[in-house]
């Protein structure tokens, strides 16, 4: 296939003919995230981040209602949720520090 991306390798290989940067249009199209897919470059990332937040909120809801127990989750999932909760707390604290009186005005 002349002029088309045939493979993407994670490591350098002697058989590779050309190296392209990850954001090169041919690489983006090959991975399914280009104009052919009708997406802006960051659209997939934004959608994934939004879905991660929905998933986190869903897990919190299920735990809060007693449908599942936090300890029933895989240890890796527990650690990721705890880390996100910590980051969210830090962000909330920083937002309170830098909020103005106008933010609290009714």
C-alpha atoms as a PDB file:
ATOM      1  CA  UNK A   1       0.000   0.000   0.000  1.00  0.00           C
ATOM      2  CA  UNK A   2       1.996   2.911  -1.245  1.00  0.00           C
ATOM      3  CA  UNK A   3       1.457   6.205   0.609  1.00  0.00           C
ATOM      4  CA  UNK A   4      -0.829   4.751   3.285  1.00  0.00           C
ATOM      5  CA  UNK A   5      -0.114   3.869   6.887  1.00  0.00           C
ATOM      6  CA  UNK A   6      -0.028   0.089   7.187  1.00  0.00           C
ATOM      7  CA  UNK A   7       0.972  -0.290  10.842  1.00  0.00           C
ATOM      8  CA  UNK A   8       1.793   1.648  13.981  1.00  0.00           C
ATOM      9  CA  UNK A   9       4.645   0.261  16.054  1.00  0.00           C
ATOM     10  CA  UNK A  10       5.384   1.008  19.693  1.00  0.00           C
ATOM     11  CA  UNK A  11       9.120   0.428  19.212  1.00  0.00           C
ATOM     12  CA  UNK A  12      11.588   1.164  16.453  1.00  0.00           C
ATOM     13  CA  UNK A  13      11.766  -1.596  13.878  1.00  0.00           C
ATOM     14  CA  UNK A  14      14.274  -2.150  11.071  1.00  0.00           C
ATOM     15  CA  UNK A  15      11.448  -2.970   8.646  1.00  0.00           C
ATOM     16  CA  UNK A  16       9.707   0.379   9.205  1.00  0.00           C
ATOM     17  CA  UNK A  17      10.084   2.659   6.210  1.00  0.00           C
ATOM     18  CA  UNK A  18       9.081   5.953   7.795  1.00  0.00           C
ATOM     19  CA  UNK A  19       8.477   7.435  11.247  1.00  0.00           C
ATOM     20  CA  UNK A  20       5.562   9.823  11.749  1.00  0.00           C
ATOM     21  CA  UNK A  21       4.677  11.826  14.840  1.00  0.00           C
ATOM     22  CA  UNK A  22       1.574  10.696  16.767  1.00  0.00           C
ATOM     23  CA  UNK A  23      -0.403  13.790  15.724  1.00  0.00           C
ATOM     24  CA  UNK A  24       0.416  13.405  12.020  1.00  0.00           C
ATOM     25  CA  UNK A  25      -2.880  13.371  10.035  1.00  0.00           C
ATOM     26  CA  UNK A  26      -2.110   9.987   8.485  1.00  0.00           C
ATOM     27  CA  UNK A  27      -1.608   8.441  11.938  1.00  0.00           C
ATOM     28  CA  UNK A  28      -4.730  10.105  13.336  1.00  0.00           C
ATOM     29  CA  UNK A  29      -6.772   8.826  10.378  1.00  0.00           C
ATOM     30  CA  UNK A  30      -5.256   5.343  10.660  1.00  0.00           C
ATOM     31  CA  UNK A  31      -6.302   5.176  14.319  1.00  0.00           C
ATOM     32  CA  UNK A  32      -9.818   6.296  13.438  1.00  0.00           C
ATOM     33  CA  UNK A  33      -9.828   9.752  14.951  1.00  0.00           C
ATOM     34  CA  UNK A  34      -9.439  11.978  11.932  1.00  0.00           C
ATOM     35  CA  UNK A  35     -11.735  13.916   9.668  1.00  0.00           C
ATOM     36  CA  UNK A  36     -12.920  10.684   8.106  1.00  0.00           C
ATOM     37  CA  UNK A  37     -14.483   9.818  11.459  1.00  0.00           C
ATOM     38  CA  UNK A  38     -15.994  13.317  11.680  1.00  0.00           C
ATOM     39  CA  UNK A  39     -14.219  14.244  14.908  1.00  0.00           C
ATOM     40  CA  UNK A  40     -12.044  17.088  16.075  1.00  0.00           C
ATOM     41  CA  UNK A  41      -8.703  15.852  17.488  1.00  0.00           C
ATOM     42  CA  UNK A  42      -9.712  16.417  21.124  1.00  0.00           C
ATOM     43  CA  UNK A  43     -13.332  15.311  20.796  1.00  0.00           C
ATOM     44  CA  UNK A  44     -12.596  11.680  21.688  1.00  0.00           C
ATOM     45  CA  UNK A  45     -10.507  12.706  24.698  1.00  0.00           C
ATOM     46  CA  UNK A  46     -13.230  15.045  25.939  1.00  0.00           C
ATOM     47  CA  UNK A  47     -15.870  12.360  25.484  1.00  0.00           C
ATOM     48  CA  UNK A  48     -13.753   9.814  27.360  1.00  0.00           C
ATOM     49  CA  UNK A  49     -13.149  12.225  30.236  1.00  0.00           C
ATOM     50  CA  UNK A  50     -16.857  13.039  30.462  1.00  0.00           C
ATOM     51  CA  UNK A  51     -17.741   9.340  30.463  1.00  0.00           C
ATOM     52  CA  UNK A  52     -15.148   8.696  33.182  1.00  0.00           C
ATOM     53  CA  UNK A  53     -16.863  11.305  35.360  1.00  0.00           C
ATOM     54  CA  UNK A  54     -20.288   9.726  34.701  1.00  0.00           C
ATOM     55  CA  UNK A  55     -18.890   6.301  35.582  1.00  0.00           C
ATOM     56  CA  UNK A  56     -17.363   7.650  38.793  1.00  0.00           C
ATOM     57  CA  UNK A  57     -20.660   9.269  39.758  1.00  0.00           C
ATOM     58  CA  UNK A  58     -22.532   6.035  38.968  1.00  0.00           C
ATOM     59  CA  UNK A  59     -20.210   4.008  41.201  1.00  0.00           C
ATOM     60  CA  UNK A  60     -20.673   6.572  44.006  1.00  0.00           C
ATOM     61  CA  UNK A  61     -24.450   6.340  43.591  1.00  0.00           C
ATOM     62  CA  UNK A  62     -24.452   2.521  43.676  1.00  0.00           C
ATOM     63  CA  UNK A  63     -22.249   2.518  46.783  1.00  0.00           C
ATOM     64  CA  UNK A  64     -24.415   5.178  48.439  1.00  0.00           C
ATOM     65  CA  UNK A  65     -27.573   3.125  47.826  1.00  0.00           C
ATOM     66  CA  UNK A  66     -25.916  -0.037  49.118  1.00  0.00           C
ATOM     67  CA  UNK A  67     -26.187  -1.839  45.787  1.00  0.00           C
ATOM     68  CA  UNK A  68     -22.452  -2.559  45.847  1.00  0.00           C
ATOM     69  CA  UNK A  69     -19.756  -2.263  48.494  1.00  0.00           C
ATOM     70  CA  UNK A  70     -16.572  -0.344  47.802  1.00  0.00           C
ATOM     71  CA  UNK A  71     -14.573  -3.369  48.989  1.00  0.00           C
ATOM     72  CA  UNK A  72     -16.206  -5.532  46.298  1.00  0.00           C
ATOM     73  CA  UNK A  73     -14.406  -3.540  43.625  1.00  0.00           C
ATOM     74  CA  UNK A  74     -11.051  -4.752  42.333  1.00  0.00           C
ATOM     75  CA  UNK A  75      -8.151  -3.228  44.290  1.00  0.00           C
ATOM     76  CA  UNK A  76      -6.989  -1.308  41.205  1.00  0.00           C
ATOM     77  CA  UNK A  77     -10.452   0.222  40.786  1.00  0.00           C
ATOM     78  CA  UNK A  78     -10.533   1.148  44.473  1.00  0.00           C
ATOM     79  CA  UNK A  79      -7.186   2.926  44.193  1.00  0.00           C
ATOM     80  CA  UNK A  80      -8.252   4.839  41.083  1.00  0.00           C
ATOM     81  CA  UNK A  81     -11.498   5.972  42.700  1.00  0.00           C
ATOM     82  CA  UNK A  82      -9.697   7.060  45.878  1.00  0.00           C
ATOM     83  CA  UNK A  83      -7.150   8.998  43.837  1.00  0.00           C
ATOM     84  CA  UNK A  84      -9.893  10.784  41.856  1.00  0.00           C
ATOM     85  CA  UNK A  85     -11.776  11.602  45.056  1.00  0.00           C
ATOM     86  CA  UNK A  86      -8.573  13.092  46.475  1.00  0.00           C
ATOM     87  CA  UNK A  87      -7.978  15.146  43.343  1.00  0.00           C
ATOM     88  CA  UNK A  88     -11.584  16.318  43.338  1.00  0.00           C
ATOM     89  CA  UNK A  89     -11.264  17.376  47.003  1.00  0.00           C
ATOM     90  CA  UNK A  90      -8.084  19.316  46.236  1.00  0.00           C
ATOM     91  CA  UNK A  91      -9.752  21.066  43.317  1.00  0.00           C
ATOM     92  CA  UNK A  92     -12.799  21.920  45.417  1.00  0.00           C
ATOM     93  CA  UNK A  93     -10.592  23.322  48.178  1.00  0.00           C
ATOM     94  CA  UNK A  94      -8.615  25.445  45.706  1.00  0.00           C
ATOM     95  CA  UNK A  95     -11.822  26.731  44.115  1.00  0.00           C
ATOM     96  CA  UNK A  96     -13.084  27.843  47.546  1.00  0.00           C
ATOM     97  CA  UNK A  97      -9.788  29.616  48.249  1.00  0.00           C
ATOM     98  CA  UNK A  98      -9.965  31.644  45.075  1.00  0.00           C
ATOM     99  CA  UNK A  99     -13.697  32.261  44.839  1.00  0.00           C
ATOM    100  CA  UNK A 100     -14.896  35.834  45.124  1.00  0.00           C
ATOM    101  CA  UNK A 101     -17.779  37.198  47.175  1.00  0.00           C
ATOM    102  CA  UNK A 102     -19.675  37.588  43.897  1.00  0.00           C
ATOM    103  CA  UNK A 103     -19.707  33.790  43.504  1.00  0.00           C
ATOM    104  CA  UNK A 104     -21.819  33.486  46.655  1.00  0.00           C
ATOM    105  CA  UNK A 105     -24.166  36.370  45.912  1.00  0.00           C
ATOM    106  CA  UNK A 106     -27.810  35.407  45.393  1.00  0.00           C
END
